[in-house]
Amino acid sequence: MSTTPKNLEELKKELLDKMPTKVARKRDKAIVPGAESGEAIPVIQANVRTIPGILTQRGCTYAGCKGVVLGPTRDIVNLTHGPIGCGYYSWLTRRNQTDAGEDGDNYIPYCLSTDMTENDIVFGGEKKLRAAIKEAYDNFKPKSISVFATCPVGLIGDDIHAVARQMQEELGITVFANSCEGYKGVSQSAGHHIANNQIFRHVIGTDDTPVEGKYKINLLGEYNIGGDAFEIERIFEKCGITLLATFSGNSTITQFRQAHHADLNTVMCHRSLNYVAEMMETKFGIPWMKINFIGAEATAKSLRRIAAYFEDPELMARVEQVIAEEMPAVKAAAAEVLPRTTGKTAMLFVGGSRAHHYQDLFREIGMETLAAGYEFAHRDDYEGRHVLPTIKVDADSRNIEELEIEPDPVRYNPRKTPEQMKALEDKDVRFKVYEGMIGEMKKEALIIDDINQYETHRIIELMKPDIFCAGIKEKYIIQKMGVPLKQLHNYDMGGPYAGFVGAVNWYHEIDRLVNTKVWSLIKAPWNDNGPELEAAYVAG
């Protein structure tokens, strides 16, 4: 093994050294340093196809559409059109929690699939899809059914949208389809975009029933993993803020339909729901801002920005009161663990915004992030939205439909005048802005897009983090290397980690993980120097 690298360039060389020249040249563009020190933000390669043969953490387009965006909605029946494996392996893997409410409708626990077989691949599956939609309706009587296409459906050409229109007319409920075949994009990010388009086209703004509330907002890109949305809802209620809809944790189709009544959209996961935020602003005049409820300080800052937007002294005072009530418990928990966590190091390679946002929680307990990256980010997630005009639209991106949105002739209503927006921005209440992850990471840190298994192993060997945050695919291999792993896709059995209560939970969880002795006692099978079994093959 090489000696420990002295700087980032040496470290990068170590990561790329064993790769074929062509592969190393491509991966070199996806590995850059941080720029917190104020230096220029480096250009990173992102949202490109994974190199064939490399073991990636990514999911497919179908996973992003069904598993991430629409799956957490409790009263939409989600029906997979494809072989049973696709439906089964996207079922209940992310711990999306929900409160079934007074009506009791909750279809999240169910796995519904058309179970396409070889016969359906040869002769077509539209008849089977119609029967499955009818069966789902007869069993559940849902308000809406959403259909998701998997790879074989796109290959054989089933017209799922025509079937959805026919069944909507027959059943009298909203039925819509998503052409989210797994191969359609370079990662699950393409599925997010497709789901955004279909929710906007078929659901958002279809119910003009007035919604009461003095400070009405939507929360976009929050999926209630481990109960995160419950904690955020608690904070909003305590502040007197009316949350109309969350996209999509602990949500209902009625909330989606009425979301256009909000006066502000707030975006947690920039990658997965920024499309809806943009389209709602264009069509209905609702501005959006980037917020973050991961980390106590970030939560307080986000609440203050929301209150500043409404320009109401009563709300501002209430927010300050809530922060004052919540922070003592947070500070006490941090003080308790700081002696044991200060100086520890972390790495985060996760989807969505988690690899960025969770660095705030680590900072609050004195820990340093050595390296981080996303599974399915675009360049703007790393470098900031200011690079959007410079991003070249490639063939993979053209697979995803771009909706042409115009202001609604009746319901377009700018919530603020241009002068009011300018005055707010002068007070640092910024809209349509996301600075990205690179600018908040130290120059000594490493940012790696779409990290692969080999790079994961080498970076752990070279930088020796105290904890690694990733997903289920990496969990057991990393633990066998003697490093604790915290899943940030489904939180294992923990959570919530959002808001003030979530921060306290996180401090104790990380203290437990980085200070346990069990990982130092583990020896991976491939490092075992004990006796080996030998055998010989004898022809019969």
Protein backbone atom coordinates (compact mmCIF):
# COMPACT_ATOMS: atom_id res chain seq x y z
CA MET A 1 0.00 0.00 0.00
CA SER A 2 1.21 3.51 -0.77
CA THR A 3 2.17 5.89 1.99
CA THR A 4 -0.49 8.35 3.16
CA PRO A 5 -0.78 11.17 0.59
CA LYS A 6 0.49 14.56 1.72
CA ASN A 7 -2.02 16.65 -0.24
CA LEU A 8 -5.15 16.40 -2.37
CA GLU A 9 -3.26 16.03 -5.63
CA GLU A 10 -1.38 13.04 -4.27
CA LEU A 11 -4.61 11.62 -2.90
CA LYS A 12 -6.33 12.03 -6.25
CA LYS A 13 -3.40 10.33 -7.99
CA GLU A 14 -3.70 7.41 -5.58
CA LEU A 15 -7.41 7.05 -6.39
CA LEU A 16 -6.82 7.07 -10.14
CA ASP A 17 -3.48 5.28 -10.34
CA LYS A 18 -4.78 1.73 -10.82
CA MET A 19 -7.45 2.65 -13.38
CA PRO A 20 -7.03 2.25 -17.13
CA THR A 21 -5.83 5.49 -18.72
CA LYS A 22 -9.13 6.29 -20.46
CA VAL A 23 -11.16 5.59 -17.31
CA ALA A 24 -8.80 7.62 -15.13
CA ARG A 25 -9.07 10.57 -17.52
CA LYS A 26 -12.87 10.55 -17.17
CA ARG A 27 -12.88 10.08 -13.41
CA ASP A 28 -10.34 12.87 -12.97
CA LYS A 29 -13.02 15.39 -14.02
CA ALA A 30 -15.41 14.11 -11.34
CA ILE A 31 -12.99 14.67 -8.42
CA VAL A 32 -12.34 18.25 -7.26
CA PRO A 33 -11.36 20.09 -4.05
CA GLY A 34 -13.64 22.29 -1.95
CA ALA A 35 -13.56 26.09 -2.13
CA GLU A 36 -14.74 27.37 1.25
CA SER A 37 -11.64 29.56 1.45
CA GLY A 38 -13.13 31.89 -1.17
CA GLU A 39 -11.25 30.56 -4.17
CA ALA A 40 -12.95 30.04 -7.51
CA ILE A 41 -15.47 27.18 -7.61
CA PRO A 42 -13.97 24.38 -9.73
CA VAL A 43 -15.94 22.81 -12.58
CA ILE A 44 -16.98 19.25 -11.80
CA GLN A 45 -18.20 16.56 -14.15
CA ALA A 46 -21.67 15.44 -13.11
CA ASN A 47 -24.88 13.94 -14.53
CA VAL A 48 -22.99 11.84 -17.07
CA ARG A 49 -23.21 8.13 -17.67
CA THR A 50 -21.43 5.84 -15.25
CA ILE A 51 -18.45 4.15 -16.88
CA PRO A 52 -19.38 0.56 -17.84
CA GLY A 53 -17.92 -1.99 -15.45
CA ILE A 54 -17.67 0.40 -12.50
CA LEU A 55 -19.77 -0.45 -9.45
CA THR A 56 -21.84 2.67 -8.85
CA GLN A 57 -24.17 3.63 -6.00
CA ARG A 58 -26.76 5.03 -8.41
CA GLY A 59 -30.34 3.95 -8.89
CA CYS A 60 -32.37 3.98 -12.10
CA THR A 61 -34.89 6.43 -13.53
CA TYR A 62 -37.80 4.30 -12.31
CA ALA A 63 -36.38 4.34 -8.78
CA GLY A 64 -36.24 8.15 -8.78
CA CYS A 65 -39.78 8.53 -10.10
CA LYS A 66 -41.65 5.90 -8.10
CA GLY A 67 -39.39 5.25 -5.12
CA VAL A 68 -38.40 8.82 -4.32
CA VAL A 69 -40.96 11.39 -5.48
CA LEU A 70 -44.36 9.69 -5.66
CA GLY A 71 -43.87 6.72 -3.34
CA PRO A 72 -44.22 8.70 -0.06
CA THR A 73 -47.71 9.99 -0.98
CA ARG A 74 -50.10 8.01 1.17
CA ASP A 75 -53.35 8.07 -0.81
CA ILE A 76 -52.12 7.61 -4.37
CA VAL A 77 -52.04 3.96 -5.41
CA ASN A 78 -48.68 3.48 -7.13
CA LEU A 79 -48.79 0.70 -9.70
CA THR A 80 -45.65 -0.63 -11.35
CA HIS A 81 -46.13 -1.82 -14.92
CA GLY A 82 -43.37 -4.35 -15.43
CA PRO A 83 -41.86 -7.56 -14.06
CA ILE A 84 -42.48 -8.20 -10.37
CA GLY A 85 -38.84 -7.61 -9.38
CA CYS A 86 -38.98 -3.90 -10.21
CA GLY A 87 -41.99 -3.35 -7.96
CA TYR A 88 -40.68 -5.56 -5.17
CA TYR A 89 -37.25 -3.91 -4.93
CA SER A 90 -38.74 -0.41 -4.85
CA TRP A 91 -41.12 -1.31 -2.03
CA LEU A 92 -40.65 0.10 1.49
CA THR A 93 -36.87 0.47 1.26
CA ARG A 94 -36.71 4.13 2.36
CA ARG A 95 -38.81 4.16 5.56
CA ASN A 96 -41.18 6.89 4.36
CA GLN A 97 -43.48 7.42 7.33
CA THR A 98 -46.99 8.85 7.22
CA ASP A 99 -50.02 9.68 9.32
CA ALA A 100 -53.06 8.11 7.71
CA GLY A 101 -55.29 10.91 9.01
CA GLU A 102 -59.02 10.81 9.61
CA ASP A 103 -59.85 9.00 6.37
CA GLY A 104 -57.34 6.23 7.11
CA ASP A 105 -56.12 6.02 3.52
CA ASN A 106 -52.55 4.74 3.39
CA TYR A 107 -51.35 2.68 0.43
CA ILE A 108 -47.63 3.03 1.12
CA PRO A 109 -47.37 -0.48 2.67
CA TYR A 110 -48.67 -2.12 -0.51
CA CYS A 111 -46.61 -3.36 -3.45
CA LEU A 112 -48.73 -3.27 -6.62
CA SER A 113 -47.41 -4.59 -9.93
CA THR A 114 -48.79 -5.92 -13.20
CA ASP A 115 -46.26 -8.78 -12.91
CA MET A 116 -45.40 -8.84 -16.60
CA THR A 117 -44.16 -12.19 -17.88
CA GLU A 118 -42.51 -13.35 -21.12
CA ASN A 119 -45.93 -13.73 -22.69
CA ASP A 120 -46.76 -10.06 -21.99
CA ILE A 121 -43.41 -8.95 -23.39
CA VAL A 122 -44.16 -10.74 -26.66
CA PHE A 123 -47.84 -9.85 -27.06
CA GLY A 124 -48.05 -6.55 -25.15
CA GLY A 125 -49.15 -5.66 -21.64
CA GLU A 126 -51.81 -2.95 -22.13
CA LYS A 127 -54.70 -5.32 -21.48
CA LYS A 128 -53.03 -6.51 -18.30
CA LEU A 129 -52.42 -2.91 -17.21
CA ARG A 130 -56.09 -1.99 -17.67
CA ALA A 131 -57.12 -5.01 -15.61
CA ALA A 132 -54.62 -4.12 -12.87
CA ILE A 133 -55.87 -0.53 -12.63
CA LYS A 134 -59.45 -1.78 -12.38
CA GLU A 135 -58.49 -4.33 -9.72
CA ALA A 136 -56.64 -1.68 -7.70
CA TYR A 137 -59.66 0.61 -7.86
CA ASP A 138 -62.08 -2.14 -6.87
CA ASN A 139 -59.95 -3.07 -3.87
CA PHE A 140 -58.99 0.38 -2.55
CA LYS A 141 -61.31 3.00 -4.10
CA PRO A 142 -58.40 5.51 -4.15
CA LYS A 143 -58.60 9.14 -5.24
CA SER A 144 -55.79 8.58 -7.71
CA ILE A 145 -53.73 5.85 -9.37
CA SER A 146 -50.27 6.46 -10.77
CA VAL A 147 -48.62 4.06 -13.22
CA PHE A 148 -44.86 3.60 -13.59
CA ALA A 149 -43.22 2.08 -16.64
CA THR A 150 -40.15 -0.13 -16.24
CA CYS A 151 -37.59 -1.03 -18.88
CA PRO A 152 -39.50 -3.75 -20.82
CA VAL A 153 -42.53 -1.47 -21.21
CA GLY A 154 -40.52 1.13 -23.07
CA LEU A 155 -38.89 -1.52 -25.23
CA ILE A 156 -42.16 -3.11 -26.39
CA GLY A 157 -44.03 0.20 -26.74
CA ASP A 158 -47.07 -0.17 -24.44
CA ASP A 159 -48.98 3.15 -24.53
CA ILE A 160 -49.43 3.55 -20.78
CA HIS A 161 -50.67 7.13 -21.15
CA ALA A 162 -53.54 6.07 -23.42
CA VAL A 163 -54.49 3.35 -20.95
CA ALA A 164 -54.39 5.87 -18.09
CA ARG A 165 -56.70 8.27 -19.97
CA GLN A 166 -59.15 5.46 -20.73
CA MET A 167 -59.25 4.27 -17.12
CA GLN A 168 -59.58 7.81 -15.77
CA GLU A 169 -62.68 8.27 -17.89
CA GLU A 170 -64.05 4.89 -16.85
CA LEU A 171 -63.36 5.19 -13.11
CA GLY A 172 -63.88 8.92 -12.60
CA ILE A 173 -60.65 9.41 -10.62
CA THR A 174 -57.25 10.85 -11.54
CA VAL A 175 -55.16 8.22 -13.32
CA PHE A 176 -51.83 9.28 -14.77
CA ALA A 177 -48.76 7.48 -16.07
CA ASN A 178 -45.02 8.05 -15.90
CA SER A 179 -42.73 6.99 -18.74
CA CYS A 180 -39.87 6.39 -16.33
CA GLU A 181 -38.19 3.34 -17.83
CA GLY A 182 -35.03 2.63 -15.85
CA TYR A 183 -32.69 3.19 -18.79
CA LYS A 184 -34.13 6.60 -19.66
CA GLY A 185 -31.54 8.69 -17.81
CA VAL A 186 -28.06 8.38 -16.37
CA SER A 187 -29.42 8.05 -12.82
CA GLN A 188 -32.54 8.36 -10.69
CA SER A 189 -32.40 12.13 -11.25
CA ALA A 190 -34.20 11.66 -14.57
CA GLY A 191 -37.05 9.98 -12.69
CA HIS A 192 -37.39 12.97 -10.37
CA HIS A 193 -37.86 15.25 -13.38
CA ILE A 194 -40.44 12.94 -14.96
CA ALA A 195 -42.44 12.71 -11.71
CA ASN A 196 -42.31 16.50 -11.32
CA ASN A 197 -43.70 16.93 -14.83
CA GLN A 198 -46.57 14.51 -14.32
CA ILE A 199 -47.57 15.82 -10.89
CA PHE A 200 -47.61 19.32 -12.31
CA ARG A 201 -49.50 18.34 -15.46
CA HIS A 202 -52.19 16.19 -13.84
CA VAL A 203 -52.52 17.19 -10.19
CA ILE A 204 -51.16 20.55 -8.96
CA GLY A 205 -53.68 23.36 -9.24
CA THR A 206 -56.72 21.19 -9.94
CA ASP A 207 -58.64 22.17 -6.78
CA ASP A 208 -59.51 25.84 -6.27
CA THR A 209 -61.20 25.30 -2.91
CA PRO A 210 -59.91 28.16 -0.70
CA VAL A 211 -57.41 27.15 1.98
CA GLU A 212 -57.26 29.15 5.20
CA GLY A 213 -54.01 30.25 6.76
CA LYS A 214 -52.17 33.51 7.34
CA TYR A 215 -48.71 32.29 6.32
CA LYS A 216 -49.18 29.56 3.70
CA ILE A 217 -46.20 27.65 2.35
CA ASN A 218 -45.29 24.40 0.59
CA LEU A 219 -42.28 22.25 1.47
CA LEU A 220 -40.63 20.69 -1.58
CA GLY A 221 -38.07 17.89 -1.52
CA GLU A 222 -38.82 16.41 1.92
CA TYR A 223 -39.77 12.73 2.04
CA ASN A 224 -40.37 12.01 5.75
CA ILE A 225 -37.61 9.46 6.11
CA GLY A 226 -37.67 8.32 9.72
CA GLY A 227 -40.27 10.97 10.57
CA ASP A 228 -38.32 14.09 9.45
CA ALA A 229 -41.47 15.74 8.07
CA PHE A 230 -43.31 15.18 11.34
CA GLU A 231 -40.67 17.21 13.18
CA ILE A 232 -40.74 19.99 10.55
CA GLU A 233 -44.55 20.06 10.70
CA ARG A 234 -44.35 20.37 14.49
CA ILE A 235 -42.06 23.38 14.19
CA PHE A 236 -44.25 25.07 11.57
CA GLU A 237 -47.37 24.56 13.66
CA LYS A 238 -45.61 25.98 16.70
CA CYS A 239 -44.62 29.06 14.69
CA GLY A 240 -48.13 29.52 13.26
CA ILE A 241 -47.04 28.73 9.68
CA THR A 242 -49.59 26.85 7.57
CA LEU A 243 -48.04 24.00 5.58
CA LEU A 244 -50.31 23.30 2.61
CA ALA A 245 -48.36 20.47 0.98
CA THR A 246 -45.14 18.55 1.35
CA PHE A 247 -43.72 17.04 -1.80
CA SER A 248 -43.94 14.22 -0.98
CA GLY A 249 -43.47 13.05 2.62
CA ASN A 250 -46.66 12.51 4.64
CA SER A 251 -48.68 14.02 1.79
CA THR A 252 -52.01 13.51 0.05
CA ILE A 253 -53.26 14.16 -3.45
CA THR A 254 -55.67 16.77 -2.10
CA GLN A 255 -52.72 18.71 -0.72
CA PHE A 256 -51.01 18.51 -4.11
CA ARG A 257 -54.18 19.75 -5.82
CA GLN A 258 -54.40 22.77 -3.53
CA ALA A 259 -50.68 23.58 -3.40
CA HIS A 260 -51.09 26.53 -5.77
CA HIS A 261 -52.78 28.47 -2.95
CA ALA A 262 -49.46 28.84 -1.11
CA ASP A 263 -47.70 32.19 -0.90
CA LEU A 264 -44.20 30.71 -0.78
CA ASN A 265 -42.48 27.50 -1.89
CA THR A 266 -39.54 26.30 0.19
CA VAL A 267 -37.12 23.76 -1.31
CA MET A 268 -35.19 21.22 0.79
CA CYS A 269 -33.77 18.79 -1.80
CA HIS A 270 -32.84 21.04 -4.69
CA ARG A 271 -32.24 18.25 -7.19
CA SER A 272 -35.47 16.34 -6.81
CA LEU A 273 -38.11 19.10 -6.74
CA ASN A 274 -36.64 22.30 -8.19
CA TYR A 275 -38.61 21.66 -11.40
CA VAL A 276 -41.98 21.96 -9.62
CA ALA A 277 -40.79 25.11 -7.84
CA GLU A 278 -39.86 26.73 -11.14
CA MET A 279 -43.09 25.69 -12.87
CA MET A 280 -45.30 26.89 -10.01
CA GLU A 281 -43.62 30.27 -10.07
CA THR A 282 -44.13 30.59 -13.82
CA LYS A 283 -47.76 29.45 -13.79
CA PHE A 284 -49.07 30.78 -10.47
CA GLY A 285 -46.59 33.48 -9.42
CA ILE A 286 -45.37 31.69 -6.26
CA PRO A 287 -41.71 32.53 -5.50
CA TRP A 288 -39.39 29.89 -4.08
CA MET A 289 -36.38 29.90 -1.79
CA LYS A 290 -33.84 27.24 -0.83
CA ILE A 291 -33.99 26.27 2.85
CA ASN A 292 -32.48 23.54 5.03
CA PHE A 293 -33.96 21.92 8.12
CA ILE A 294 -31.01 19.58 8.70
CA GLY A 295 -29.00 21.04 11.59
CA ALA A 296 -30.24 23.22 14.44
CA GLU A 297 -28.54 26.38 13.21
CA ALA A 298 -29.72 25.76 9.64
CA THR A 299 -33.28 25.22 10.93
CA ALA A 300 -33.21 28.51 12.83
CA LYS A 301 -31.83 30.34 9.80
CA SER A 302 -34.50 28.86 7.51
CA LEU A 303 -37.32 29.82 9.89
CA ARG A 304 -36.03 33.39 10.05
CA ARG A 305 -35.88 33.60 6.25
CA ILE A 306 -39.47 32.36 5.93
CA ALA A 307 -40.63 34.88 8.55
CA ALA A 308 -38.70 37.69 6.82
CA TYR A 309 -40.44 36.84 3.53
CA PHE A 310 -43.88 37.47 5.04
CA GLU A 311 -42.66 40.76 6.57
CA ASP A 312 -44.92 40.36 9.58
CA PRO A 313 -43.47 41.43 12.96
CA GLU A 314 -45.85 39.07 14.75
CA LEU A 315 -44.50 36.05 12.83
CA MET A 316 -40.89 37.18 13.25
CA ALA A 317 -41.38 37.48 17.01
CA ARG A 318 -43.06 34.08 17.20
CA VAL A 319 -40.22 32.44 15.25
CA GLU A 320 -37.65 33.94 17.60
CA GLN A 321 -39.64 32.69 20.58
CA VAL A 322 -39.77 29.16 19.15
CA ILE A 323 -36.04 29.17 18.45
CA ALA A 324 -35.36 30.38 21.99
CA GLU A 325 -37.54 27.60 23.41
CA GLU A 326 -35.98 24.83 21.29
CA MET A 327 -32.27 25.68 21.32
CA PRO A 328 -31.42 25.03 25.01
CA ALA A 329 -32.07 21.29 24.64
CA VAL A 330 -30.01 21.26 21.43
CA LYS A 331 -27.08 23.08 23.04
CA ALA A 332 -27.19 20.81 26.08
CA ALA A 333 -27.05 17.70 23.88
CA ALA A 334 -24.17 19.16 21.85
CA ALA A 335 -22.25 20.04 25.00
CA GLU A 336 -22.69 16.49 26.25
CA VAL A 337 -21.17 14.84 23.17
CA LEU A 338 -18.62 17.45 22.10
CA PRO A 339 -15.79 16.11 24.31
CA ARG A 340 -16.12 12.75 22.54
CA THR A 341 -16.86 13.92 18.96
CA THR A 342 -14.65 16.98 18.51
CA GLY A 343 -11.90 16.27 16.01
CA LYS A 344 -13.57 13.17 14.56
CA THR A 345 -13.91 12.94 10.78
CA ALA A 346 -16.68 11.97 8.39
CA MET A 347 -17.34 11.18 4.74
CA LEU A 348 -20.75 11.51 3.05
CA PHE A 349 -21.66 9.98 -0.31
CA VAL A 350 -25.43 10.11 -0.54
CA GLY A 351 -28.21 11.08 -2.93
CA GLY A 352 -30.21 14.28 -2.92
CA SER A 353 -29.04 17.10 -0.68
CA ARG A 354 -28.01 14.91 2.24
CA ALA A 355 -24.29 14.84 1.45
CA HIS A 356 -24.41 18.65 1.75
CA HIS A 357 -26.94 19.33 4.50
CA TYR A 358 -25.66 16.76 6.98
CA GLN A 359 -22.27 18.45 7.07
CA ASP A 360 -23.99 21.14 9.18
CA LEU A 361 -24.91 18.56 11.81
CA PHE A 362 -21.34 17.25 11.91
CA ARG A 363 -19.97 20.79 12.32
CA GLU A 364 -22.28 21.38 15.28
CA ILE A 365 -20.53 18.59 17.20
CA GLY A 366 -17.00 19.53 16.17
CA MET A 367 -16.53 17.00 13.38
CA GLU A 368 -14.84 17.62 10.03
CA THR A 369 -16.00 16.38 6.63
CA LEU A 370 -13.05 14.92 4.71
CA ALA A 371 -14.90 14.03 1.51
CA ALA A 372 -18.42 14.15 0.11
CA GLY A 373 -20.36 13.64 -3.08
CA TYR A 374 -23.71 12.86 -4.65
CA GLU A 375 -25.06 9.87 -6.51
CA PHE A 376 -27.17 11.75 -9.02
CA ALA A 377 -26.31 15.44 -8.85
CA HIS A 378 -26.03 17.91 -11.69
CA ARG A 379 -23.32 20.54 -11.85
CA ASP A 380 -25.58 23.18 -10.25
CA ASP A 381 -25.94 21.02 -7.13
CA TYR A 382 -22.18 21.21 -6.70
CA GLU A 383 -21.27 24.60 -8.17
CA GLY A 384 -24.47 26.58 -7.64
CA ARG A 385 -27.38 27.57 -9.86
CA HIS A 386 -25.40 30.39 -11.48
CA VAL A 387 -23.83 27.77 -13.79
CA LEU A 388 -27.18 26.70 -15.27
CA PRO A 389 -26.82 28.79 -18.46
CA THR A 390 -23.45 27.16 -19.16
CA ILE A 391 -24.58 23.53 -18.82
CA LYS A 392 -24.73 21.80 -22.18
CA VAL A 393 -27.88 19.79 -22.88
CA ASP A 394 -26.73 16.35 -24.01
CA ALA A 395 -28.58 13.44 -25.57
CA ASP A 396 -29.42 11.86 -22.20
CA SER A 397 -31.01 15.07 -20.93
CA ARG A 398 -33.09 15.37 -24.09
CA ASN A 399 -34.80 12.10 -23.16
CA ILE A 400 -36.68 14.03 -20.48
CA GLU A 401 -39.62 16.15 -21.58
CA GLU A 402 -39.44 19.86 -20.79
CA LEU A 403 -42.95 21.26 -20.22
CA GLU A 404 -43.77 24.58 -21.81
CA ILE A 405 -45.34 26.55 -18.96
CA GLU A 406 -47.19 29.85 -19.35
CA PRO A 407 -48.79 32.08 -16.70
CA ASP A 408 -52.28 30.85 -15.86
CA PRO A 409 -54.74 33.34 -17.39
CA VAL A 410 -56.94 33.27 -14.27
CA ARG A 411 -54.81 32.15 -11.33
CA TYR A 412 -51.45 33.78 -12.02
CA ASN A 413 -50.92 36.09 -9.07
CA PRO A 414 -47.40 37.32 -8.19
CA ARG A 415 -47.21 37.23 -4.40
CA LYS A 416 -44.74 40.11 -4.29
CA THR A 417 -44.09 43.05 -6.58
CA PRO A 418 -40.64 43.32 -8.20
CA GLU A 419 -39.87 46.17 -5.82
CA GLN A 420 -40.80 44.06 -2.79
CA MET A 421 -38.69 41.17 -4.04
CA LYS A 422 -35.73 43.47 -4.55
CA ALA A 423 -36.12 44.94 -1.06
CA LEU A 424 -36.18 41.44 0.46
CA GLU A 425 -33.10 40.35 -1.47
CA ASP A 426 -31.31 43.46 -0.20
CA LYS A 427 -32.01 42.06 3.28
CA ASP A 428 -30.42 38.72 2.26
CA VAL A 429 -33.77 36.97 1.70
CA ARG A 430 -32.75 35.34 -1.56
CA PHE A 431 -34.93 33.60 -4.12
CA LYS A 432 -34.19 30.97 -6.79
CA VAL A 433 -30.66 30.63 -5.42
CA TYR A 434 -28.68 27.58 -4.39
CA GLU A 435 -24.96 28.05 -3.84
CA GLY A 436 -24.18 24.34 -4.08
CA MET A 437 -21.95 22.13 -1.99
CA ILE A 438 -18.42 22.93 -3.17
CA GLY A 439 -18.36 26.48 -1.84
CA GLU A 440 -19.16 25.28 1.69
CA MET A 441 -16.40 22.65 1.86
CA LYS A 442 -12.81 23.32 2.87
CA LYS A 443 -10.10 23.39 0.24
CA GLU A 444 -8.55 20.35 1.95
CA ALA A 445 -11.74 18.33 1.41
CA LEU A 446 -12.47 16.19 -1.62
CA ILE A 447 -15.67 16.22 -3.67
CA ILE A 448 -16.32 13.09 -5.73
CA ASP A 449 -19.32 12.66 -8.02
CA ASP A 450 -20.79 9.18 -8.53
CA ILE A 451 -18.12 7.52 -6.39
CA ASN A 452 -17.51 3.86 -7.20
CA GLN A 453 -16.62 0.92 -4.99
CA TYR A 454 -12.89 0.99 -5.77
CA GLU A 455 -12.64 4.70 -4.99
CA THR A 456 -14.62 4.14 -1.80
CA HIS A 457 -12.21 1.46 -0.60
CA ARG A 458 -9.09 3.47 -1.43
CA ILE A 459 -10.31 6.73 0.10
CA ILE A 460 -11.15 4.93 3.35
CA GLU A 461 -7.71 3.31 3.40
CA LEU A 462 -5.96 6.59 2.67
CA MET A 463 -7.97 9.10 4.77
CA LYS A 464 -9.23 6.81 7.55
CA PRO A 465 -12.55 8.52 8.47
CA ASP A 466 -14.23 7.88 11.80
CA ILE A 467 -17.63 7.44 10.14
CA PHE A 468 -18.94 6.97 6.60
CA CYS A 469 -22.44 8.02 5.51
CA ALA A 470 -23.90 6.30 2.46
CA GLY A 471 -26.56 3.73 1.54
CA ILE A 472 -27.35 0.04 1.89
CA LYS A 473 -25.17 -1.05 -1.06
CA GLU A 474 -22.02 0.12 0.70
CA LYS A 475 -22.99 -0.56 4.30
CA TYR A 476 -21.64 -4.02 5.04
CA ILE A 477 -18.44 -3.78 2.99
CA ILE A 478 -17.47 -0.53 4.75
CA GLN A 479 -18.26 -1.98 8.18
CA LYS A 480 -15.99 -4.92 7.37
CA MET A 481 -13.24 -2.36 6.81
CA GLY A 482 -13.63 -1.36 10.47
CA VAL A 483 -15.52 1.90 9.81
CA PRO A 484 -19.05 2.55 11.13
CA LEU A 485 -21.57 3.41 8.43
CA LYS A 486 -24.67 5.52 8.93
CA GLN A 487 -27.31 5.06 6.28
CA LEU A 488 -28.71 8.39 5.14
CA HIS A 489 -31.11 6.93 2.59
CA ASN A 490 -33.33 5.29 5.16
CA TYR A 491 -31.58 6.08 8.48
CA ASP A 492 -31.39 2.37 9.39
CA MET A 493 -33.85 2.34 12.31
CA GLY A 494 -33.15 5.91 13.49
CA GLY A 495 -34.57 9.36 13.00
CA PRO A 496 -35.93 11.87 12.79
CA TYR A 497 -32.80 13.94 12.16
CA ALA A 498 -34.47 17.12 10.88
CA GLY A 499 -35.22 20.19 12.95
CA PHE A 500 -34.32 20.73 16.61
CA VAL A 501 -35.39 17.34 17.94
CA GLY A 502 -33.63 15.72 14.99
CA ALA A 503 -30.37 17.47 15.83
CA VAL A 504 -30.46 16.05 19.37
CA ASN A 505 -31.15 12.56 17.99
CA TRP A 506 -28.26 12.92 15.54
CA TYR A 507 -25.74 14.08 18.14
CA HIS A 508 -26.39 11.03 20.32
CA GLU A 509 -26.43 8.62 17.36
CA ILE A 510 -23.11 9.83 15.97
CA ASP A 511 -21.52 9.88 19.43
CA ARG A 512 -22.52 6.25 19.81
CA LEU A 513 -21.21 5.25 16.38
CA VAL A 514 -17.84 6.98 16.35
CA ASN A 515 -16.94 5.99 19.90
CA THR A 516 -17.93 2.34 19.94
CA LYS A 517 -14.98 -0.08 20.07
CA VAL A 518 -16.63 -2.86 18.10
CA TRP A 519 -15.42 -1.67 14.69
CA SER A 520 -11.77 -1.85 15.71
CA LEU A 521 -12.30 -5.51 16.63
CA ILE A 522 -13.71 -6.48 13.25
CA LYS A 523 -11.48 -8.27 10.78
CA ALA A 524 -12.71 -8.60 7.21
CA PRO A 525 -12.50 -12.12 5.73
CA TRP A 526 -10.07 -10.92 3.07
CA ASN A 527 -7.68 -9.67 5.78
CA ASP A 528 -7.70 -12.91 7.71
CA ASN A 529 -4.28 -14.57 7.77
CA GLY A 530 -5.60 -17.82 9.22
CA PRO A 531 -5.62 -21.23 7.54
CA GLU A 532 -7.12 -21.57 4.09
CA LEU A 533 -9.15 -24.50 2.90
CA GLU A 534 -7.66 -26.22 -0.11
CA ALA A 535 -9.36 -28.58 -2.50
CA ALA A 536 -8.67 -30.28 -5.76
CA TYR A 537 -11.06 -30.97 -8.62
CA VAL A 538 -11.18 -34.61 -9.62
CA ALA A 539 -12.95 -35.56 -12.85
CA GLY A 540 -15.55 -38.24 -12.36
